N, C-alpha and C. Protein backbone atom coordinates (compact mmCIF):
# COMPACT_ATOMS: atom_id res chain seq x y z
N MET A 1 0.84 -1.16 -0.10
CA MET A 1 0.04 0.01 -0.05
C MET A 1 0.89 1.25 0.02
N GLU A 2 0.51 2.18 -0.79
CA GLU A 2 1.44 3.29 -1.00
C GLU A 2 1.07 4.36 0.08
N THR A 3 2.03 5.13 0.57
CA THR A 3 1.82 6.13 1.59
C THR A 3 0.90 7.21 1.03
N GLN A 4 -0.08 7.58 1.85
CA GLN A 4 -0.98 8.79 1.46
C GLN A 4 -0.27 10.04 1.56
N LYS A 5 -0.62 10.97 0.67
CA LYS A 5 0.12 12.24 0.38
C LYS A 5 -0.89 13.40 0.89
N ASP A 6 -0.40 14.45 1.35
CA ASP A 6 -1.22 15.71 1.63
C ASP A 6 -1.37 16.47 0.26
N TYR A 7 -1.97 17.56 0.53
CA TYR A 7 -2.35 18.49 -0.76
C TYR A 7 -0.96 19.03 -1.28
N LYS A 8 0.18 19.05 -0.65
CA LYS A 8 1.56 19.47 -1.07
C LYS A 8 2.24 18.43 -1.71
N GLY A 9 1.88 17.14 -1.58
CA GLY A 9 2.57 16.07 -2.00
C GLY A 9 3.38 15.28 -0.95
N ASN A 10 3.37 15.88 0.30
CA ASN A 10 4.18 15.32 1.36
C ASN A 10 3.52 14.05 1.87
N PRO A 11 4.27 13.08 2.17
CA PRO A 11 3.72 11.76 2.80
C PRO A 11 3.07 12.17 4.05
N VAL A 12 1.86 11.58 4.36
CA VAL A 12 1.12 11.65 5.56
C VAL A 12 1.45 10.65 6.62
N VAL A 13 1.89 10.95 7.82
CA VAL A 13 2.40 10.02 8.82
C VAL A 13 1.46 10.15 10.03
N ARG A 14 0.78 9.04 10.34
CA ARG A 14 -0.13 9.01 11.43
C ARG A 14 0.64 8.93 12.65
N ILE A 15 0.47 9.73 13.65
CA ILE A 15 1.45 9.63 14.90
C ILE A 15 0.48 10.08 16.21
N CYS A 16 0.87 9.43 17.19
CA CYS A 16 0.06 9.69 18.41
C CYS A 16 0.79 10.88 19.08
N ALA A 17 -0.05 12.03 19.26
CA ALA A 17 0.45 13.30 19.91
C ALA A 17 0.98 13.02 21.24
N THR A 18 0.36 12.11 22.09
CA THR A 18 0.63 11.95 23.39
C THR A 18 1.98 11.24 23.42
N CYS A 19 2.22 10.18 22.64
CA CYS A 19 3.44 9.55 22.62
C CYS A 19 4.55 10.51 22.28
N GLN A 20 4.25 11.30 21.27
CA GLN A 20 5.42 12.23 20.80
C GLN A 20 5.82 13.14 21.84
N LYS A 21 4.84 13.61 22.78
CA LYS A 21 5.14 14.66 23.58
C LYS A 21 5.27 14.03 25.00
N ILE A 22 5.41 12.82 25.28
CA ILE A 22 5.39 12.33 26.50
C ILE A 22 6.44 12.87 27.68
N ASN A 23 7.50 13.57 27.15
CA ASN A 23 8.36 14.09 27.99
C ASN A 23 8.06 15.75 28.34
N VAL A 24 7.16 16.13 27.61
CA VAL A 24 6.77 17.63 27.82
C VAL A 24 6.04 17.87 29.24
N PRO A 25 6.58 18.92 29.83
CA PRO A 25 5.77 19.12 31.27
C PRO A 25 4.33 19.29 31.09
N GLY A 26 3.63 18.49 31.94
CA GLY A 26 2.30 18.60 31.89
C GLY A 26 1.64 17.24 31.33
N MET A 27 2.62 16.47 30.77
CA MET A 27 2.14 15.11 30.19
C MET A 27 2.69 14.00 31.11
N GLU A 28 2.86 14.35 32.35
CA GLU A 28 3.51 13.24 33.38
C GLU A 28 2.55 12.06 33.47
N HIS A 29 1.12 12.31 33.42
CA HIS A 29 0.15 11.38 33.65
C HIS A 29 0.18 10.25 32.45
N ALA A 30 0.69 10.60 31.37
CA ALA A 30 0.88 9.55 30.23
C ALA A 30 2.09 8.85 30.29
N SER A 31 3.05 9.27 31.07
CA SER A 31 4.39 8.60 31.12
C SER A 31 4.57 7.78 32.38
N LEU A 32 3.57 7.60 33.07
CA LEU A 32 3.71 6.77 34.33
C LEU A 32 3.95 5.32 33.94
N GLY A 33 4.90 4.86 34.57
CA GLY A 33 5.38 3.33 34.41
C GLY A 33 6.08 3.12 33.00
N ILE A 34 6.46 4.17 32.29
CA ILE A 34 7.32 4.07 31.19
C ILE A 34 8.70 4.00 31.43
N ASP A 35 9.43 3.10 30.81
CA ASP A 35 10.88 2.96 31.15
C ASP A 35 11.59 4.21 30.63
N GLN A 36 12.66 4.62 31.36
CA GLN A 36 13.42 5.85 31.12
C GLN A 36 14.03 5.65 29.67
N LYS A 37 14.42 4.50 29.25
CA LYS A 37 15.14 4.31 28.02
C LYS A 37 14.13 4.63 26.85
N ILE A 38 12.84 4.43 27.06
CA ILE A 38 11.87 4.71 26.00
C ILE A 38 11.62 6.23 26.11
N LYS A 39 11.57 6.81 27.22
CA LYS A 39 11.34 8.19 27.20
C LYS A 39 12.54 8.97 26.58
N ASP A 40 13.72 8.47 26.80
CA ASP A 40 14.85 9.04 26.12
C ASP A 40 14.78 8.96 24.54
N GLU A 41 14.28 7.73 24.08
CA GLU A 41 14.10 7.45 22.69
C GLU A 41 13.04 8.30 22.09
N MET A 42 11.97 8.65 22.96
CA MET A 42 10.93 9.51 22.45
C MET A 42 11.43 11.01 22.22
N ASP A 43 12.37 11.41 23.08
CA ASP A 43 12.95 12.70 22.86
C ASP A 43 13.59 12.72 21.44
N VAL A 44 14.35 11.75 21.03
CA VAL A 44 14.81 11.81 19.71
C VAL A 44 13.83 11.72 18.74
N VAL A 45 12.83 10.79 18.89
CA VAL A 45 11.73 10.79 17.87
C VAL A 45 11.25 12.18 17.78
N ASN A 46 10.74 12.80 18.84
CA ASN A 46 10.22 14.22 18.87
C ASN A 46 10.98 15.27 18.05
N LYS A 47 12.40 15.15 18.32
CA LYS A 47 13.30 16.01 17.54
C LYS A 47 13.38 15.78 16.07
N LYS A 48 13.15 14.40 15.66
CA LYS A 48 13.18 14.13 14.30
C LYS A 48 11.89 14.57 13.61
N ILE A 49 10.79 14.52 14.32
CA ILE A 49 9.54 14.92 13.77
C ILE A 49 9.70 16.38 13.48
N ILE A 50 10.06 17.12 14.52
CA ILE A 50 10.26 18.66 14.38
C ILE A 50 11.10 18.94 13.09
N GLU A 51 12.44 18.22 13.08
CA GLU A 51 13.40 18.41 12.05
C GLU A 51 12.68 18.22 10.70
N LYS A 52 11.83 17.14 10.47
CA LYS A 52 11.27 16.69 9.23
C LYS A 52 9.91 17.28 8.93
N SER A 53 9.43 18.20 9.72
CA SER A 53 8.00 18.59 9.68
C SER A 53 7.74 19.37 8.32
N LYS A 54 8.72 19.77 7.62
CA LYS A 54 8.46 20.37 6.28
C LYS A 54 8.41 19.32 5.20
N GLU A 55 8.90 18.15 5.56
CA GLU A 55 8.93 17.15 4.38
C GLU A 55 7.81 16.11 4.63
N PHE A 56 7.12 16.15 5.74
CA PHE A 56 6.06 15.17 6.15
C PHE A 56 4.98 16.01 6.66
N CYS A 57 3.72 15.28 6.49
CA CYS A 57 2.53 15.81 7.15
C CYS A 57 2.33 14.86 8.41
N PHE A 58 2.44 15.30 9.47
CA PHE A 58 2.30 14.59 10.65
C PHE A 58 0.81 14.64 11.19
N SER A 59 0.03 13.59 10.84
CA SER A 59 -1.43 13.53 11.23
C SER A 59 -1.51 13.14 12.75
N HIS A 60 -1.66 14.07 13.65
CA HIS A 60 -1.67 13.85 14.98
C HIS A 60 -3.03 13.21 15.50
N GLY A 61 -3.13 12.30 16.42
CA GLY A 61 -4.24 11.74 16.96
C GLY A 61 -3.72 11.06 18.28
N ALA A 62 -4.51 10.04 18.50
CA ALA A 62 -4.14 9.26 19.87
C ALA A 62 -4.16 7.76 19.49
N CYS A 63 -3.15 7.06 20.02
CA CYS A 63 -2.99 5.70 19.97
C CYS A 63 -4.14 5.05 20.94
N ASN A 64 -4.47 3.83 20.81
CA ASN A 64 -5.49 3.11 21.68
C ASN A 64 -5.18 3.24 23.10
N PRO A 65 -3.91 2.94 23.47
CA PRO A 65 -3.69 3.03 24.98
C PRO A 65 -3.83 4.49 25.51
N HIS A 66 -3.38 5.50 24.77
CA HIS A 66 -3.57 6.76 25.19
C HIS A 66 -5.09 7.15 25.17
N LEU A 67 -5.90 6.87 24.26
CA LEU A 67 -7.27 6.85 24.09
C LEU A 67 -7.97 6.33 25.35
N TYR A 68 -7.55 5.14 25.60
CA TYR A 68 -8.16 4.44 26.79
C TYR A 68 -7.82 5.31 28.08
N LEU A 69 -6.49 5.68 28.20
CA LEU A 69 -6.20 6.47 29.37
C LEU A 69 -7.13 7.76 29.45
N MET A 70 -7.27 8.41 28.27
CA MET A 70 -8.19 9.59 28.28
C MET A 70 -9.67 9.28 28.86
N TYR A 71 -10.12 8.13 28.39
CA TYR A 71 -11.51 7.69 28.74
C TYR A 71 -11.54 7.47 30.25
N GLN A 72 -10.49 6.77 30.88
CA GLN A 72 -10.45 6.62 32.29
C GLN A 72 -10.55 7.82 33.10
N SER A 73 -10.10 8.90 32.57
CA SER A 73 -9.94 10.14 33.28
C SER A 73 -11.29 10.88 33.31
N ILE A 74 -12.26 10.41 32.51
CA ILE A 74 -13.58 11.23 32.38
C ILE A 74 -14.33 10.89 33.69
N PRO A 75 -14.65 11.97 34.37
CA PRO A 75 -15.60 11.78 35.61
C PRO A 75 -16.79 11.10 35.34
N GLY A 76 -17.09 10.18 36.33
CA GLY A 76 -18.35 9.23 36.20
C GLY A 76 -18.37 8.09 35.33
N MET A 77 -17.05 7.89 34.70
CA MET A 77 -16.99 6.59 33.81
C MET A 77 -17.00 5.45 34.63
N THR A 78 -17.87 4.51 34.39
CA THR A 78 -18.13 3.19 35.09
C THR A 78 -17.27 2.16 34.58
N PRO A 79 -16.87 1.23 35.28
CA PRO A 79 -16.15 0.06 34.78
C PRO A 79 -16.81 -0.67 33.66
N GLU A 80 -18.11 -0.67 33.69
CA GLU A 80 -18.93 -1.20 32.42
C GLU A 80 -18.69 -0.32 31.27
N ARG A 81 -18.74 0.85 31.28
CA ARG A 81 -18.60 1.77 30.13
C ARG A 81 -17.07 1.60 29.60
N LEU A 82 -16.18 1.54 30.72
CA LEU A 82 -14.71 1.47 30.26
C LEU A 82 -14.53 0.14 29.51
N GLU A 83 -15.24 -0.89 29.90
CA GLU A 83 -15.02 -2.22 29.31
C GLU A 83 -15.59 -2.23 27.81
N SER A 84 -16.77 -1.36 27.66
CA SER A 84 -17.31 -1.13 26.36
C SER A 84 -16.35 -0.44 25.41
N VAL A 85 -15.66 0.63 25.99
CA VAL A 85 -14.71 1.43 25.26
C VAL A 85 -13.60 0.62 24.87
N LYS A 86 -13.11 -0.29 25.66
CA LYS A 86 -11.99 -1.33 25.29
C LYS A 86 -12.43 -2.18 24.24
N GLU A 87 -13.58 -2.68 24.27
CA GLU A 87 -14.03 -3.48 23.04
C GLU A 87 -14.18 -2.68 21.79
N LYS A 88 -14.53 -1.51 21.86
CA LYS A 88 -14.81 -0.58 20.58
C LYS A 88 -13.38 -0.31 20.13
N LEU A 89 -12.37 -0.05 20.91
CA LEU A 89 -10.94 0.30 20.54
C LEU A 89 -10.38 -0.93 19.86
N LYS A 90 -10.67 -2.15 20.13
CA LYS A 90 -10.13 -3.44 19.50
C LYS A 90 -10.60 -3.35 17.96
N HIS A 91 -11.58 -2.77 17.53
CA HIS A 91 -12.04 -2.54 16.18
C HIS A 91 -11.67 -1.36 15.56
N ASN A 92 -10.93 -0.50 16.33
CA ASN A 92 -10.53 0.81 15.77
C ASN A 92 -9.18 0.61 14.91
N THR A 93 -9.09 1.25 13.89
CA THR A 93 -7.90 1.38 13.05
C THR A 93 -6.88 2.36 13.82
N PRO A 94 -6.04 1.65 14.64
CA PRO A 94 -5.26 2.52 15.60
C PRO A 94 -4.16 3.32 14.96
N ILE A 95 -3.86 4.40 15.56
CA ILE A 95 -2.58 5.06 15.37
C ILE A 95 -1.55 4.28 16.11
N PRO A 96 -0.48 3.97 15.56
CA PRO A 96 0.51 3.16 16.35
C PRO A 96 0.98 3.79 17.56
N CYS A 97 1.09 2.96 18.61
CA CYS A 97 1.71 3.49 19.96
C CYS A 97 3.14 3.41 19.95
N LEU A 98 3.87 4.47 19.78
CA LEU A 98 5.39 4.38 19.75
C LEU A 98 6.05 3.85 21.00
N LEU A 99 5.26 3.97 22.11
CA LEU A 99 5.88 3.57 23.37
C LEU A 99 5.93 1.97 23.44
N GLN A 100 5.06 1.38 22.74
CA GLN A 100 4.97 -0.20 22.61
C GLN A 100 5.52 -0.61 21.47
N ASN A 101 5.66 0.11 20.27
CA ASN A 101 6.13 -0.58 19.08
C ASN A 101 7.70 -0.12 18.84
N GLU A 102 8.60 -0.92 19.37
CA GLU A 102 10.02 -0.58 19.41
C GLU A 102 10.53 -0.39 17.98
N PRO A 103 10.24 -1.32 17.09
CA PRO A 103 10.77 -1.20 15.71
C PRO A 103 10.40 0.09 15.04
N LEU A 104 9.22 0.45 15.06
CA LEU A 104 8.61 1.68 14.63
C LEU A 104 9.22 2.90 15.21
N ARG A 105 9.37 2.86 16.56
CA ARG A 105 10.12 3.88 17.32
C ARG A 105 11.45 4.12 16.88
N HIS A 106 12.22 2.99 16.68
CA HIS A 106 13.59 3.09 16.39
C HIS A 106 13.68 3.60 14.66
N ALA A 107 12.80 3.22 13.92
CA ALA A 107 12.77 3.73 12.58
C ALA A 107 12.59 5.33 12.62
N PHE A 108 11.62 5.72 13.49
CA PHE A 108 11.42 7.14 13.57
C PHE A 108 12.51 7.82 14.11
N MET A 109 13.29 7.31 14.93
CA MET A 109 14.42 7.95 15.71
C MET A 109 15.63 8.20 14.49
N LYS A 110 15.47 7.36 13.45
CA LYS A 110 16.36 7.59 12.32
C LYS A 110 15.84 8.48 11.23
N GLY A 111 14.61 8.90 11.42
CA GLY A 111 14.00 9.72 10.48
C GLY A 111 13.42 9.03 9.40
N LEU A 112 13.04 7.78 9.56
CA LEU A 112 12.33 6.92 8.59
C LEU A 112 10.84 6.92 9.01
N PHE A 113 10.05 7.47 8.17
CA PHE A 113 8.63 7.67 8.61
C PHE A 113 7.63 6.96 7.79
N THR A 114 7.97 6.47 6.60
CA THR A 114 7.15 5.79 5.68
C THR A 114 7.50 4.30 5.62
N LYS A 115 6.58 3.45 5.19
CA LYS A 115 6.86 2.00 4.93
C LYS A 115 7.97 1.91 3.91
N GLU A 116 7.76 2.75 3.10
CA GLU A 116 8.72 2.68 1.81
C GLU A 116 10.21 3.00 2.25
N GLU A 117 10.40 4.02 3.07
CA GLU A 117 11.74 4.30 3.64
C GLU A 117 12.18 3.22 4.61
N ILE A 118 11.30 2.71 5.31
CA ILE A 118 11.78 1.65 6.33
C ILE A 118 12.21 0.40 5.52
N GLN A 119 11.48 -0.09 4.59
CA GLN A 119 11.85 -1.13 3.72
C GLN A 119 13.04 -0.89 2.83
N LYS A 120 13.27 0.28 2.37
CA LYS A 120 14.50 0.64 1.57
C LYS A 120 15.72 0.55 2.51
N ALA A 121 15.62 1.08 3.77
CA ALA A 121 16.68 0.91 4.79
C ALA A 121 16.98 -0.52 5.18
N GLN A 122 15.92 -1.24 5.31
CA GLN A 122 16.14 -2.62 5.65
C GLN A 122 16.89 -3.28 4.55
N GLN A 123 16.43 -3.22 3.24
CA GLN A 123 17.26 -3.78 2.13
C GLN A 123 18.55 -3.35 2.01
N SER A 124 18.91 -1.95 2.26
CA SER A 124 20.21 -1.48 2.12
C SER A 124 21.16 -2.20 3.30
N THR A 125 20.48 -2.32 4.44
CA THR A 125 21.28 -2.96 5.51
C THR A 125 21.46 -4.48 5.20
N GLN A 126 20.57 -5.15 4.66
CA GLN A 126 20.68 -6.50 4.33
C GLN A 126 21.82 -6.61 3.22
N GLN A 127 21.81 -5.75 2.20
CA GLN A 127 22.83 -5.77 1.16
C GLN A 127 24.17 -5.49 1.77
N SER A 128 24.34 -4.54 2.68
CA SER A 128 25.63 -4.20 3.44
C SER A 128 26.04 -5.44 4.06
N ASN A 129 25.22 -6.15 4.78
CA ASN A 129 25.59 -7.32 5.61
C ASN A 129 26.10 -8.35 4.69
N GLN A 130 25.29 -8.62 3.59
CA GLN A 130 25.82 -9.58 2.64
C GLN A 130 27.20 -9.35 2.12
N GLN A 131 27.34 -8.14 1.69
CA GLN A 131 28.59 -7.71 1.15
C GLN A 131 29.83 -7.93 2.19
N LEU A 132 29.55 -7.60 3.38
CA LEU A 132 30.52 -7.75 4.48
C LEU A 132 30.83 -9.21 4.66
N THR A 133 29.74 -10.03 4.76
CA THR A 133 29.89 -11.44 5.02
C THR A 133 30.78 -12.03 3.83
N GLU A 134 30.50 -11.70 2.59
CA GLU A 134 31.31 -12.16 1.48
C GLU A 134 32.76 -11.63 1.54
N ARG A 135 32.96 -10.45 2.07
CA ARG A 135 34.34 -9.88 2.12
C ARG A 135 35.12 -10.73 3.16
N PHE A 136 34.39 -10.95 4.26
CA PHE A 136 35.16 -11.66 5.36
C PHE A 136 35.41 -13.05 4.98
N LYS A 137 34.56 -13.65 4.17
CA LYS A 137 34.78 -15.12 3.61
C LYS A 137 35.94 -15.01 2.82
N LYS A 138 36.13 -14.13 1.94
CA LYS A 138 37.20 -13.91 1.06
C LYS A 138 38.52 -13.71 1.71
N LEU A 139 38.51 -12.81 2.67
CA LEU A 139 39.70 -12.56 3.56
C LEU A 139 40.14 -13.85 4.33
N ALA A 140 39.11 -14.61 4.87
CA ALA A 140 39.40 -15.77 5.57
C ALA A 140 39.72 -17.02 4.66
N GLY A 141 39.65 -16.79 3.42
CA GLY A 141 39.82 -17.90 2.48
C GLY A 141 38.76 -18.97 2.45
N ILE A 142 37.62 -18.63 2.78
CA ILE A 142 36.48 -19.60 2.76
C ILE A 142 35.77 -19.37 1.43
N LYS A 143 35.62 -20.58 0.82
CA LYS A 143 34.79 -20.58 -0.49
C LYS A 143 33.50 -21.07 -0.26
N SER A 144 32.55 -20.28 -0.91
CA SER A 144 31.05 -20.77 -0.75
C SER A 144 30.72 -22.02 -1.34
């Protein structure tokens, strides 16, 4: 599936605003129980998003875990209604949660925001690894 484009022709990247801004003062509620390593990585992601904001259209929303957290904070929300929300979120086409999706978070840290960029980088890495392996075999005198 090809990446969607905005009216300027920039790729549209769906991203959770809460995940992106997890380290911003006032967002402490969303970062409870999150490992410091992930918080540090999200700082890098946030900087990359800001850096690439002219090349990409970042379509901000909320991932399912942060949507659920938002519903939990609604006054008068009963456990039954929360369970109903949880069921509805299962059928939601979610915005990815960068706190839970390590490969996507690491790709974003490198400034790779589309599936095409991620695949191209993976292919390049595989090709480099193959070339290195062949070079080491040649240096070691190993014949395939």
